[in-house]
Amino acid sequence: MDPQDAQVRDPKTYAIIGAAMEVHRVLGCGFLEAVYQEAFALELSWRGIPFRREVDLPIFFKERRGKCKNT
C-alpha cells in the first residue's frame, strides 16, 4: 500500500500519531507518564483534535467484566 493512500483513508489517525510524535520530538525520553499525558493533551488541543482524558472503560477478561476506574 502506498503511504499516501493510507493518509487519505484515515487522516484522523495520522493527525493523532503526528501529535504524539511532536510530543516525543520536543520532550525526548525520560519523563514520567504524567508529563507526556499533559503535553499530549496540550498538543491535541492546539491542533484542534477532540479528546477525553482517562475515561472509564469496561474490561472483559475470560467472559467476565472487571472494574476499571480512573480515580
PDB file of N, CA and C in Angstrom:
ATOM      1  N   MET A   1       0.846  -1.177   0.000  1.00  0.00           N
ATOM      2  CA  MET A   1       0.000   0.000   0.000  1.00  0.00           C
ATOM      3  C   MET A   1       0.889   1.238   0.000  1.00  0.00           C
ATOM      4  N   ASP A   2       0.544   2.191  -0.795  1.00  0.00           N
ATOM      5  CA  ASP A   2       1.255   3.458  -0.886  1.00  0.00           C
ATOM      6  C   ASP A   2       0.962   4.279   0.377  1.00  0.00           C
ATOM      7  N   PRO A   3       1.976   4.853   1.039  1.00  0.00           N
ATOM      8  CA  PRO A   3       1.748   5.656   2.253  1.00  0.00           C
ATOM      9  C   PRO A   3       0.767   6.800   2.039  1.00  0.00           C
ATOM     10  N   GLN A   4       0.738   7.384   0.858  1.00  0.00           N
ATOM     11  CA  GLN A   4      -0.210   8.463   0.595  1.00  0.00           C
ATOM     12  C   GLN A   4      -1.638   7.949   0.581  1.00  0.00           C
ATOM     13  N   ASP A   5      -1.857   6.730   0.132  1.00  0.00           N
ATOM     14  CA  ASP A   5      -3.189   6.137   0.171  1.00  0.00           C
ATOM     15  C   ASP A   5      -3.670   6.002   1.608  1.00  0.00           C
ATOM     16  N   ALA A   6      -2.779   5.607   2.505  1.00  0.00           N
ATOM     17  CA  ALA A   6      -3.140   5.439   3.912  1.00  0.00           C
ATOM     18  C   ALA A   6      -3.563   6.768   4.523  1.00  0.00           C
ATOM     19  N   GLN A   7      -2.891   7.852   4.189  1.00  0.00           N
ATOM     20  CA  GLN A   7      -3.252   9.165   4.724  1.00  0.00           C
ATOM     21  C   GLN A   7      -4.631   9.585   4.252  1.00  0.00           C
ATOM     22  N   VAL A   8      -4.964   9.274   3.029  1.00  0.00           N
ATOM     23  CA  VAL A   8      -6.275   9.626   2.502  1.00  0.00           C
ATOM     24  C   VAL A   8      -7.343   8.803   3.191  1.00  0.00           C
ATOM     25  N   ARG A   9      -7.046   7.570   3.500  1.00  0.00           N
ATOM     26  CA  ARG A   9      -8.028   6.681   4.117  1.00  0.00           C
ATOM     27  C   ARG A   9      -8.319   7.042   5.570  1.00  0.00           C
ATOM     28  N   ASP A  10      -7.307   7.467   6.305  1.00  0.00           N
ATOM     29  CA  ASP A  10      -7.524   7.716   7.725  1.00  0.00           C
ATOM     30  C   ASP A  10      -6.715   8.919   8.216  1.00  0.00           C
ATOM     31  N   PRO A  11      -7.122  10.128   7.844  1.00  0.00           N
ATOM     32  CA  PRO A  11      -6.366  11.304   8.246  1.00  0.00           C
ATOM     33  C   PRO A  11      -6.393  11.559   9.752  1.00  0.00           C
ATOM     34  N   LYS A  12      -7.433  11.111  10.441  1.00  0.00           N
ATOM     35  CA  LYS A  12      -7.506  11.314  11.897  1.00  0.00           C
ATOM     36  C   LYS A  12      -6.395  10.550  12.606  1.00  0.00           C
ATOM     37  N   THR A  13      -6.161   9.328  12.170  1.00  0.00           N
ATOM     38  CA  THR A  13      -5.093   8.535  12.774  1.00  0.00           C
ATOM     39  C   THR A  13      -3.748   9.209  12.574  1.00  0.00           C
ATOM     40  N   TYR A  14      -3.489   9.690  11.386  1.00  0.00           N
ATOM     41  CA  TYR A  14      -2.219  10.361  11.110  1.00  0.00           C
ATOM     42  C   TYR A  14      -2.073  11.650  11.918  1.00  0.00           C
ATOM     43  N   ALA A  15      -3.173  12.366  12.133  1.00  0.00           N
ATOM     44  CA  ALA A  15      -3.120  13.592  12.935  1.00  0.00           C
ATOM     45  C   ALA A  15      -2.775  13.267  14.383  1.00  0.00           C
ATOM     46  N   ILE A  16      -3.358  12.207  14.922  1.00  0.00           N
ATOM     47  CA  ILE A  16      -3.097  11.809  16.310  1.00  0.00           C
ATOM     48  C   ILE A  16      -1.660  11.319  16.459  1.00  0.00           C
ATOM     49  N   ILE A  17      -1.222  10.486  15.536  1.00  0.00           N
ATOM     50  CA  ILE A  17       0.158   9.995  15.594  1.00  0.00           C
ATOM     51  C   ILE A  17       1.136  11.157  15.426  1.00  0.00           C
ATOM     52  N   GLY A  18       0.813  12.095  14.550  1.00  0.00           N
ATOM     53  CA  GLY A  18       1.661  13.263  14.373  1.00  0.00           C
ATOM     54  C   GLY A  18       1.789  14.073  15.643  1.00  0.00           C
ATOM     55  N   ALA A  19       0.686  14.214  16.387  1.00  0.00           N
ATOM     56  CA  ALA A  19       0.725  14.933  17.659  1.00  0.00           C
ATOM     57  C   ALA A  19       1.606  14.198  18.665  1.00  0.00           C
ATOM     58  N   ALA A  20       1.482  12.884  18.706  1.00  0.00           N
ATOM     59  CA  ALA A  20       2.303  12.091  19.629  1.00  0.00           C
ATOM     60  C   ALA A  20       3.785  12.187  19.269  1.00  0.00           C
ATOM     61  N   MET A  21       4.073  12.148  17.978  1.00  0.00           N
ATOM     62  CA  MET A  21       5.465  12.255  17.543  1.00  0.00           C
ATOM     63  C   MET A  21       6.050  13.630  17.882  1.00  0.00           C
ATOM     64  N   GLU A  22       5.233  14.664  17.788  1.00  0.00           N
ATOM     65  CA  GLU A  22       5.696  16.012  18.131  1.00  0.00           C
ATOM     66  C   GLU A  22       6.029  16.112  19.621  1.00  0.00           C
ATOM     67  N   VAL A  23       5.186  15.515  20.457  1.00  0.00           N
ATOM     68  CA  VAL A  23       5.472  15.499  21.895  1.00  0.00           C
ATOM     69  C   VAL A  23       6.798  14.789  22.143  1.00  0.00           C
ATOM     70  N   HIS A  24       6.988  13.658  21.513  1.00  0.00           N
ATOM     71  CA  HIS A  24       8.234  12.916  21.699  1.00  0.00           C
ATOM     72  C   HIS A  24       9.436  13.695  21.164  1.00  0.00           C
ATOM     73  N   ARG A  25       9.263  14.362  20.028  1.00  0.00           N
ATOM     74  CA  ARG A  25      10.354  15.139  19.442  1.00  0.00           C
ATOM     75  C   ARG A  25      10.788  16.275  20.373  1.00  0.00           C
ATOM     76  N   VAL A  26       9.815  16.951  20.974  1.00  0.00           N
ATOM     77  CA  VAL A  26      10.116  18.103  21.822  1.00  0.00           C
ATOM     78  C   VAL A  26      10.643  17.669  23.191  1.00  0.00           C
ATOM     79  N   LEU A  27       9.996  16.686  23.808  1.00  0.00           N
ATOM     80  CA  LEU A  27      10.372  16.291  25.174  1.00  0.00           C
ATOM     81  C   LEU A  27      11.489  15.250  25.218  1.00  0.00           C
ATOM     82  N   GLY A  28      11.544  14.379  24.212  1.00  0.00           N
ATOM     83  CA  GLY A  28      12.505  13.289  24.278  1.00  0.00           C
ATOM     84  C   GLY A  28      12.027  12.236  25.268  1.00  0.00           C
ATOM     85  N   CYS A  29      12.968  11.460  25.779  1.00  0.00           N
ATOM     86  CA  CYS A  29      12.585  10.395  26.701  1.00  0.00           C
ATOM     87  C   CYS A  29      13.076  10.713  28.117  1.00  0.00           C
ATOM     88  N   GLY A  30      12.517   9.993  29.079  1.00  0.00           N
ATOM     89  CA  GLY A  30      12.998  10.104  30.446  1.00  0.00           C
ATOM     90  C   GLY A  30      12.045  10.730  31.443  1.00  0.00           C
ATOM     91  N   PHE A  31      10.911  11.242  30.978  1.00  0.00           N
ATOM     92  CA  PHE A  31       9.952  11.851  31.898  1.00  0.00           C
ATOM     93  C   PHE A  31       8.953  10.816  32.402  1.00  0.00           C
ATOM     94  N   LEU A  32       8.275  11.143  33.473  1.00  0.00           N
ATOM     95  CA  LEU A  32       7.191  10.303  33.964  1.00  0.00           C
ATOM     96  C   LEU A  32       5.998  10.402  33.012  1.00  0.00           C
ATOM     97  N   GLU A  33       5.145   9.394  33.055  1.00  0.00           N
ATOM     98  CA  GLU A  33       3.993   9.325  32.155  1.00  0.00           C
ATOM     99  C   GLU A  33       3.123  10.576  32.241  1.00  0.00           C
ATOM    100  N   ALA A  34       2.945  11.123  33.435  1.00  0.00           N
ATOM    101  CA  ALA A  34       2.085  12.295  33.623  1.00  0.00           C
ATOM    102  C   ALA A  34       2.558  13.490  32.794  1.00  0.00           C
ATOM    103  N   VAL A  35       3.862  13.638  32.623  1.00  0.00           N
ATOM    104  CA  VAL A  35       4.402  14.737  31.819  1.00  0.00           C
ATOM    105  C   VAL A  35       3.990  14.571  30.365  1.00  0.00           C
ATOM    106  N   TYR A  36       4.113  13.366  29.837  1.00  0.00           N
ATOM    107  CA  TYR A  36       3.726  13.107  28.455  1.00  0.00           C
ATOM    108  C   TYR A  36       2.212  13.247  28.269  1.00  0.00           C
ATOM    109  N   GLN A  37       1.440  12.823  29.253  1.00  0.00           N
ATOM    110  CA  GLN A  37      -0.017  12.962  29.163  1.00  0.00           C
ATOM    111  C   GLN A  37      -0.416  14.426  29.051  1.00  0.00           C
ATOM    112  N   GLU A  38       0.175  15.262  29.881  1.00  0.00           N
ATOM    113  CA  GLU A  38      -0.153  16.685  29.860  1.00  0.00           C
ATOM    114  C   GLU A  38       0.287  17.329  28.550  1.00  0.00           C
ATOM    115  N   ALA A  39       1.494  17.021  28.099  1.00  0.00           N
ATOM    116  CA  ALA A  39       1.994  17.583  26.842  1.00  0.00           C
ATOM    117  C   ALA A  39       1.145  17.114  25.661  1.00  0.00           C
ATOM    118  N   PHE A  40       0.741  15.848  25.670  1.00  0.00           N
ATOM    119  CA  PHE A  40      -0.082  15.311  24.589  1.00  0.00           C
ATOM    120  C   PHE A  40      -1.449  15.992  24.563  1.00  0.00           C
ATOM    121  N   ALA A  41      -2.032  16.211  25.733  1.00  0.00           N
ATOM    122  CA  ALA A  41      -3.322  16.908  25.811  1.00  0.00           C
ATOM    123  C   ALA A  41      -3.194  18.329  25.253  1.00  0.00           C
ATOM    124  N   LEU A  42      -2.111  19.008  25.594  1.00  0.00           N
ATOM    125  CA  LEU A  42      -1.888  20.357  25.064  1.00  0.00           C
ATOM    126  C   LEU A  42      -1.731  20.324  23.545  1.00  0.00           C
ATOM    127  N   GLU A  43      -0.955  19.389  23.051  1.00  0.00           N
ATOM    128  CA  GLU A  43      -0.721  19.288  21.602  1.00  0.00           C
ATOM    129  C   GLU A  43      -2.015  18.975  20.858  1.00  0.00           C
ATOM    130  N   LEU A  44      -2.815  18.051  21.389  1.00  0.00           N
ATOM    131  CA  LEU A  44      -4.097  17.742  20.748  1.00  0.00           C
ATOM    132  C   LEU A  44      -4.996  18.973  20.728  1.00  0.00           C
ATOM    133  N   SER A  45      -5.028  19.717  21.821  1.00  0.00           N
ATOM    134  CA  SER A  45      -5.840  20.946  21.886  1.00  0.00           C
ATOM    135  C   SER A  45      -5.379  21.961  20.859  1.00  0.00           C
ATOM    136  N   TRP A  46      -4.054  22.188  20.777  1.00  0.00           N
ATOM    137  CA  TRP A  46      -3.512  23.158  19.823  1.00  0.00           C
ATOM    138  C   TRP A  46      -3.839  22.772  18.392  1.00  0.00           C
ATOM    139  N   ARG A  47      -3.905  21.481  18.125  1.00  0.00           N
ATOM    140  CA  ARG A  47      -4.201  21.012  16.761  1.00  0.00           C
ATOM    141  C   ARG A  47      -5.696  20.913  16.490  1.00  0.00           C
ATOM    142  N   GLY A  48      -6.515  21.198  17.497  1.00  0.00           N
ATOM    143  CA  GLY A  48      -7.962  21.132  17.318  1.00  0.00           C
ATOM    144  C   GLY A  48      -8.500  19.721  17.228  1.00  0.00           C
ATOM    145  N   ILE A  49      -7.800  18.767  17.826  1.00  0.00           N
ATOM    146  CA  ILE A  49      -8.222  17.368  17.813  1.00  0.00           C
ATOM    147  C   ILE A  49      -9.003  17.090  19.095  1.00  0.00           C
ATOM    148  N   PRO A  50     -10.285  16.751  18.996  1.00  0.00           N
ATOM    149  CA  PRO A  50     -11.079  16.499  20.208  1.00  0.00           C
ATOM    150  C   PRO A  50     -10.624  15.217  20.908  1.00  0.00           C
ATOM    151  N   PHE A  51     -10.671  15.238  22.244  1.00  0.00           N
ATOM    152  CA  PHE A  51     -10.260  14.074  23.028  1.00  0.00           C
ATOM    153  C   PHE A  51     -10.866  14.154  24.416  1.00  0.00           C
ATOM    154  N   ARG A  52     -10.831  13.035  25.116  1.00  0.00           N
ATOM    155  CA  ARG A  52     -11.220  12.960  26.528  1.00  0.00           C
ATOM    156  C   ARG A  52     -10.099  12.258  27.261  1.00  0.00           C
ATOM    157  N   ARG A  53      -9.803  12.737  28.459  1.00  0.00           N
ATOM    158  CA  ARG A  53      -8.694  12.158  29.225  1.00  0.00           C
ATOM    159  C   ARG A  53      -9.182  11.091  30.189  1.00  0.00           C
ATOM    160  N   GLU A  54      -8.490   9.986  30.210  1.00  0.00           N
ATOM    161  CA  GLU A  54      -8.656   8.912  31.179  1.00  0.00           C
ATOM    162  C   GLU A  54     -10.117   8.560  31.464  1.00  0.00           C
ATOM    163  N   VAL A  55     -10.802   8.148  30.425  1.00  0.00           N
ATOM    164  CA  VAL A  55     -12.199   7.742  30.580  1.00  0.00           C
ATOM    165  C   VAL A  55     -12.268   6.321  31.137  1.00  0.00           C
ATOM    166  N   ASP A  56     -13.340   6.029  31.847  1.00  0.00           N
ATOM    167  CA  ASP A  56     -13.556   4.674  32.359  1.00  0.00           C
ATOM    168  C   ASP A  56     -13.987   3.768  31.212  1.00  0.00           C
ATOM    169  N   LEU A  57     -13.368   2.613  31.128  1.00  0.00           N
ATOM    170  CA  LEU A  57     -13.698   1.635  30.087  1.00  0.00           C
ATOM    171  C   LEU A  57     -13.959   0.288  30.740  1.00  0.00           C
ATOM    172  N   PRO A  58     -15.015  -0.413  30.295  1.00  0.00           N
ATOM    173  CA  PRO A  58     -15.232  -1.743  30.830  1.00  0.00           C
ATOM    174  C   PRO A  58     -14.147  -2.697  30.329  1.00  0.00           C
ATOM    175  N   ILE A  59     -13.690  -3.561  31.194  1.00  0.00           N
ATOM    176  CA  ILE A  59     -12.673  -4.543  30.851  1.00  0.00           C
ATOM    177  C   ILE A  59     -13.298  -5.930  30.938  1.00  0.00           C
ATOM    178  N   PHE A  60     -13.150  -6.707  29.880  1.00  0.00           N
ATOM    179  CA  PHE A  60     -13.656  -8.072  29.877  1.00  0.00           C
ATOM    180  C   PHE A  60     -12.479  -9.030  29.825  1.00  0.00           C
ATOM    181  N   PHE A  61     -12.467  -9.966  30.752  1.00  0.00           N
ATOM    182  CA  PHE A  61     -11.398 -10.955  30.836  1.00  0.00           C
ATOM    183  C   PHE A  61     -12.034 -12.313  31.069  1.00  0.00           C
ATOM    184  N   LYS A  62     -11.813 -13.221  30.158  1.00  0.00           N
ATOM    185  CA  LYS A  62     -12.390 -14.566  30.235  1.00  0.00           C
ATOM    186  C   LYS A  62     -13.904 -14.501  30.458  1.00  0.00           C
ATOM    187  N   GLU A  63     -14.551 -13.691  29.620  1.00  0.00           N
ATOM    188  CA  GLU A  63     -16.006 -13.538  29.591  1.00  0.00           C
ATOM    189  C   GLU A  63     -16.587 -12.937  30.871  1.00  0.00           C
ATOM    190  N   ARG A  64     -15.761 -12.287  31.687  1.00  0.00           N
ATOM    191  CA  ARG A  64     -16.258 -11.618  32.886  1.00  0.00           C
ATOM    192  C   ARG A  64     -15.853 -10.159  32.827  1.00  0.00           C
ATOM    193  N   ARG A  65     -16.763  -9.323  33.285  1.00  0.00           N
ATOM    194  CA  ARG A  65     -16.481  -7.897  33.287  1.00  0.00           C
ATOM    195  C   ARG A  65     -15.735  -7.513  34.558  1.00  0.00           C
ATOM    196  N   GLY A  66     -14.657  -6.781  34.381  1.00  0.00           N
ATOM    197  CA  GLY A  66     -13.874  -6.297  35.510  1.00  0.00           C
ATOM    198  C   GLY A  66     -14.129  -4.819  35.739  1.00  0.00           C
ATOM    199  N   LYS A  67     -13.608  -4.313  36.818  1.00  0.00           N
ATOM    200  CA  LYS A  67     -13.749  -2.910  37.148  1.00  0.00           C
ATOM    201  C   LYS A  67     -12.535  -2.149  36.639  1.00  0.00           C
ATOM    202  N   CYS A  68     -12.779  -1.035  36.029  1.00  0.00           N
ATOM    203  CA  CYS A  68     -11.689  -0.174  35.557  1.00  0.00           C
ATOM    204  C   CYS A  68     -12.085   1.255  35.816  1.00  0.00           C
ATOM    205  N   LYS A  69     -11.590   1.817  36.889  1.00  0.00           N
ATOM    206  CA  LYS A  69     -11.908   3.189  37.271  1.00  0.00           C
ATOM    207  C   LYS A  69     -10.635   4.001  37.270  1.00  0.00           C
ATOM    208  N   ASN A  70     -10.701   5.188  36.732  1.00  0.00           N
ATOM    209  CA  ASN A  70      -9.592   6.133  36.804  1.00  0.00           C
ATOM    210  C   ASN A  70      -9.856   7.090  37.950  1.00  0.00           C
ATOM    211  N   THR A  71      -9.308   6.782  39.065  1.00  0.00           N
ATOM    212  CA  THR A  71      -9.524   7.634  40.242  1.00  0.00           C
ATOM    213  C   THR A  71      -8.222   8.181  40.734  1.00  0.00           C
TER     214      THR A  71
END
